[in-house]
């Protein structure tokens, strides 16, 4: 599991995926999110701009997991 540190109250999902190096560009995020490959705390999400907070766990099918920390 990859841990990413943020200095703000939240980070947007697309930014978190890029920060964790699971994707290289925004269009990649759009594709995997719309394909239903991304979940936050076990719930599939379809919004690139979804806010992710401290302690949230993002899972990308076939690519890995991320935990967000302040």
Protein backbone atom coordinates (compact mmCIF):
# COMPACT_ATOMS: atom_id res chain seq x y z
CA UNK A 1 0.00 0.00 0.00
CA UNK A 2 1.32 3.42 -0.98
CA UNK A 3 1.00 6.26 1.51
CA UNK A 4 0.62 9.83 0.27
CA UNK A 5 0.93 12.88 2.50
CA UNK A 6 -1.17 15.98 1.97
CA UNK A 7 -0.90 19.44 3.55
CA UNK A 8 -4.53 20.33 2.98
CA UNK A 9 -7.86 19.14 4.37
CA UNK A 10 -8.52 17.03 1.25
CA UNK A 11 -7.16 16.14 -2.17
CA UNK A 12 -9.12 15.39 -5.32
CA UNK A 13 -9.12 11.77 -6.45
CA UNK A 14 -7.40 12.44 -9.77
CA UNK A 15 -4.61 14.35 -8.00
CA UNK A 16 -4.16 11.56 -5.45
CA UNK A 17 -3.74 8.97 -8.21
CA UNK A 18 -1.10 11.13 -9.88
CA UNK A 19 0.70 11.86 -6.60
CA UNK A 20 0.94 8.12 -5.89
CA UNK A 21 2.33 7.53 -9.41
CA UNK A 22 -0.46 5.11 -10.31
CA UNK A 23 -1.23 7.15 -13.42
CA UNK A 24 0.85 9.52 -15.52
CA UNK A 25 -1.78 11.94 -16.80
CA UNK A 26 -5.32 13.15 -16.18
CA UNK A 27 -6.79 11.31 -19.16
CA UNK A 28 -5.60 8.02 -17.63
CA UNK A 29 -7.46 8.86 -14.42
CA UNK A 30 -10.63 9.67 -16.32
CA UNK A 31 -10.51 6.34 -18.12
CA UNK A 32 -9.98 4.10 -15.09
CA UNK A 33 -12.48 6.01 -12.95
CA UNK A 34 -15.23 5.89 -15.57
CA UNK A 35 -14.51 2.16 -16.08
CA UNK A 36 -15.36 1.57 -12.40
CA UNK A 37 -11.83 0.49 -11.48
CA UNK A 38 -11.44 2.90 -8.55
CA UNK A 39 -12.95 2.68 -5.08
CA UNK A 40 -12.64 4.80 -1.96
CA UNK A 41 -13.10 2.96 1.33
CA UNK A 42 -14.62 0.03 -0.56
CA UNK A 43 -17.16 2.07 -2.56
CA UNK A 44 -16.72 2.41 -6.33
CA UNK A 45 -16.55 6.03 -7.44
CA UNK A 46 -17.07 7.62 -10.85
CA UNK A 47 -16.03 11.24 -10.12
CA UNK A 48 -12.50 12.44 -10.85
CA UNK A 49 -13.02 15.42 -8.57
CA UNK A 50 -14.20 13.35 -5.60
CA UNK A 51 -12.66 14.72 -2.40
CA UNK A 52 -10.39 12.30 -0.54
CA UNK A 53 -9.58 12.93 3.12
CA UNK A 54 -7.04 11.84 5.73
CA UNK A 55 -7.36 8.10 6.40
CA UNK A 56 -9.25 7.32 3.20
CA UNK A 57 -8.09 4.26 1.27
CA UNK A 58 -8.18 4.37 -2.52
CA UNK A 59 -8.00 1.08 -4.39
CA UNK A 60 -7.36 0.81 -8.12
CA UNK A 61 -8.07 -2.63 -9.59
CA UNK A 62 -4.85 -4.21 -10.77
CA UNK A 63 -2.69 -1.20 -9.81
CA UNK A 64 -2.68 -1.02 -6.03
CA UNK A 65 -3.89 0.77 -2.94
CA UNK A 66 -3.24 4.25 -1.57
CA UNK A 67 -3.80 5.60 1.93
CA UNK A 68 -4.07 9.35 2.40
CA UNK A 69 -2.37 10.95 5.43
CA UNK A 70 -2.17 14.52 6.73
